[in-house]
Amino acid sequence: MGGHPYYYAVPYQSDINKALQALRGQEFEAGRYNPVVPFLNFEFGGGPQPSPGKRHRSIEDALKASEADGTRSILDVERIESSPGFGVATPVRPERLIELYGTDKPSREMVAANMDFFEEIDGGQAVYIVLYQDGQPGEIFFAGMSYD
């Protein structure tokens, strides 16, 4: 079985790792991860996701409980790196952004309309893209593929 895509847009801050860790904490507290919610539905601008609340003492306990499937969420992504790896989010290369969007500063609307970069994400890995609004960074978009 192939992996399941997941993605999130969060307010921009210059410390990408800090944004990632805050997002992981938020999603853990909300209980939006496998095995609490086995499969989440991700849509840009979609309705609210279920929020049953955490069912584990820590993110580490949730990761253990999810076993080989992973959490099918941002909880599987532990850190920011420059090279892909399991549990890692890497930036989408500027030249790839230009190929996809005609700019290395895509807007939310551009990314929502073209998510072809998912084809390049292996299971257990993630990428991020800084989204621009009026020429300024507005959000950070994290996207990943589950282990299963």
Protein backbone atom coordinates (compact mmCIF):
# COMPACT_ATOMS: atom_id res chain seq x y z
CA MET A 1 0.00 0.00 0.00
CA GLY A 2 1.31 3.48 -0.83
CA GLY A 3 1.76 6.34 1.58
CA HIS A 4 -0.88 8.92 2.37
CA PRO A 5 -0.19 12.61 1.72
CA TYR A 6 -0.63 15.22 4.43
CA TYR A 7 -0.08 18.96 4.47
CA TYR A 8 -0.45 22.09 6.58
CA ALA A 9 -0.03 25.84 6.16
CA VAL A 10 1.08 27.80 9.23
CA PRO A 11 1.88 31.49 9.75
CA TYR A 12 5.36 32.41 8.58
CA GLN A 13 8.25 32.80 10.97
CA SER A 14 11.90 32.91 10.04
CA ASP A 15 12.77 29.92 12.23
CA ILE A 16 11.32 27.07 10.16
CA ASN A 17 12.18 24.44 12.78
CA LYS A 18 10.36 26.44 15.46
CA ALA A 19 7.29 26.59 13.20
CA LEU A 20 7.54 22.82 12.64
CA GLN A 21 7.78 22.04 16.35
CA ALA A 22 4.83 24.33 17.16
CA LEU A 23 2.74 22.62 14.47
CA ARG A 24 3.69 19.17 15.79
CA GLY A 25 2.64 20.24 19.30
CA GLN A 26 -0.63 21.68 18.06
CA GLU A 27 -1.57 18.55 16.11
CA PHE A 28 -0.55 16.28 18.98
CA GLU A 29 -2.68 18.20 21.50
CA ALA A 30 -5.64 18.10 19.08
CA GLY A 31 -5.27 14.33 18.64
CA ARG A 32 -5.02 14.64 14.86
CA TYR A 33 -2.76 11.66 14.29
CA ASN A 34 -2.92 7.89 13.83
CA PRO A 35 -3.94 5.88 15.87
CA VAL A 36 -6.35 8.44 17.40
CA VAL A 37 -7.73 9.37 13.96
CA PRO A 38 -6.50 6.67 11.55
CA PHE A 39 -6.95 8.72 8.36
CA LEU A 40 -7.25 12.50 8.19
CA ASN A 41 -8.69 14.33 5.20
CA PHE A 42 -6.45 17.17 4.02
CA GLU A 43 -7.88 19.97 1.88
CA PHE A 44 -6.52 23.44 1.29
CA GLY A 45 -9.00 25.75 2.97
CA GLY A 46 -11.20 22.78 3.85
CA GLY A 47 -13.41 22.51 6.87
CA PRO A 48 -12.16 21.87 10.38
CA GLN A 49 -10.41 18.60 11.07
CA PRO A 50 -11.56 16.37 13.92
CA SER A 51 -10.06 17.34 17.24
CA PRO A 52 -10.62 14.49 19.70
CA GLY A 53 -7.67 15.47 21.88
CA LYS A 54 -4.42 13.64 22.51
CA ARG A 55 -4.58 10.04 23.67
CA HIS A 56 -0.90 9.59 24.50
CA ARG A 57 1.42 11.12 27.09
CA SER A 58 3.89 12.43 24.52
CA ILE A 59 4.61 12.65 20.81
CA GLU A 60 7.16 9.88 21.31
CA ASP A 61 4.45 7.63 22.81
CA ALA A 62 2.15 8.43 19.88
CA LEU A 63 4.91 7.52 17.44
CA LYS A 64 5.44 4.16 19.19
CA ALA A 65 1.69 3.45 19.22
CA SER A 66 1.42 4.14 15.48
CA GLU A 67 3.94 1.35 14.83
CA ALA A 68 5.16 0.88 11.23
CA ASP A 69 2.30 2.95 9.76
CA GLY A 70 3.49 6.14 11.41
CA THR A 71 1.07 8.82 12.56
CA ARG A 72 0.13 9.80 8.98
CA SER A 73 0.67 13.38 10.11
CA ILE A 74 3.29 16.04 10.78
CA LEU A 75 4.16 14.20 14.01
CA ASP A 76 6.29 11.86 11.86
CA VAL A 77 8.53 14.82 10.94
CA GLU A 78 11.07 15.46 13.66
CA ARG A 79 13.39 18.07 12.17
CA ILE A 80 14.43 20.34 9.31
CA GLU A 81 17.46 19.30 7.22
CA SER A 82 18.98 20.23 3.88
CA SER A 83 18.93 16.61 2.59
CA PRO A 84 15.94 14.22 2.55
CA GLY A 85 15.66 11.47 5.14
CA PHE A 86 13.13 9.67 7.33
CA GLY A 87 11.47 12.06 9.75
CA VAL A 88 12.96 15.07 7.95
CA ALA A 89 11.46 18.09 6.16
CA THR A 90 13.59 19.71 3.47
CA PRO A 91 12.98 22.86 1.45
CA VAL A 92 11.72 22.45 -2.10
CA ARG A 93 14.65 23.64 -4.24
CA PRO A 94 14.20 27.13 -5.78
CA GLU A 95 14.74 25.74 -9.31
CA ARG A 96 11.93 23.20 -8.71
CA LEU A 97 9.63 25.98 -7.49
CA ILE A 98 10.35 27.89 -10.71
CA GLU A 99 9.55 24.77 -12.77
CA LEU A 100 6.26 24.29 -10.93
CA TYR A 101 5.10 27.89 -10.45
CA GLY A 102 7.23 30.15 -12.64
CA THR A 103 8.65 31.78 -9.50
CA ASP A 104 10.65 30.82 -6.45
CA LYS A 105 8.14 32.79 -4.33
CA PRO A 106 4.84 30.98 -4.91
CA SER A 107 1.56 32.06 -3.36
CA ARG A 108 -0.85 29.86 -1.45
CA GLU A 109 -3.12 29.80 -4.50
CA MET A 110 -0.31 28.60 -6.77
CA VAL A 111 0.60 25.73 -4.48
CA ALA A 112 -3.03 24.75 -3.93
CA ALA A 113 -3.48 24.52 -7.71
CA ASN A 114 -0.35 22.42 -8.32
CA MET A 115 0.94 19.86 -5.85
CA ASP A 116 3.04 17.87 -8.31
CA PHE A 117 5.94 17.99 -5.83
CA PHE A 118 4.20 15.18 -3.92
CA GLU A 119 5.48 12.79 -6.60
CA GLU A 120 9.00 13.43 -5.30
CA ILE A 121 8.31 12.78 -1.60
CA ASP A 122 9.12 9.30 -0.34
CA GLY A 123 7.28 7.65 2.55
CA GLY A 124 8.32 9.04 5.91
CA GLN A 125 9.67 12.25 4.37
CA ALA A 126 8.42 15.82 4.00
CA VAL A 127 9.13 19.14 2.31
CA TYR A 128 8.33 22.74 3.04
CA ILE A 129 7.64 25.80 0.90
CA VAL A 130 7.51 29.41 2.05
CA LEU A 131 4.28 30.89 0.66
CA TYR A 132 4.27 34.54 -0.36
CA GLN A 133 1.56 37.17 -0.19
CA ASP A 134 2.11 40.61 -1.72
CA GLY A 135 5.81 39.81 -2.18
CA GLN A 136 6.34 38.96 1.50
CA PRO A 137 6.54 35.60 3.28
CA GLY A 138 3.09 34.85 4.67
CA GLU A 139 2.98 31.16 5.51
CA ILE A 140 5.05 28.00 5.64
CA PHE A 141 3.55 25.02 3.84
CA PHE A 142 4.61 21.61 5.15
CA ALA A 143 3.80 18.54 3.04
CA GLY A 144 4.71 14.93 3.60
CA MET A 145 4.00 11.33 2.78
CA SER A 146 3.17 8.75 5.43
CA TYR A 147 5.25 5.64 5.95
CA ASP A 148 2.50 3.27 4.87
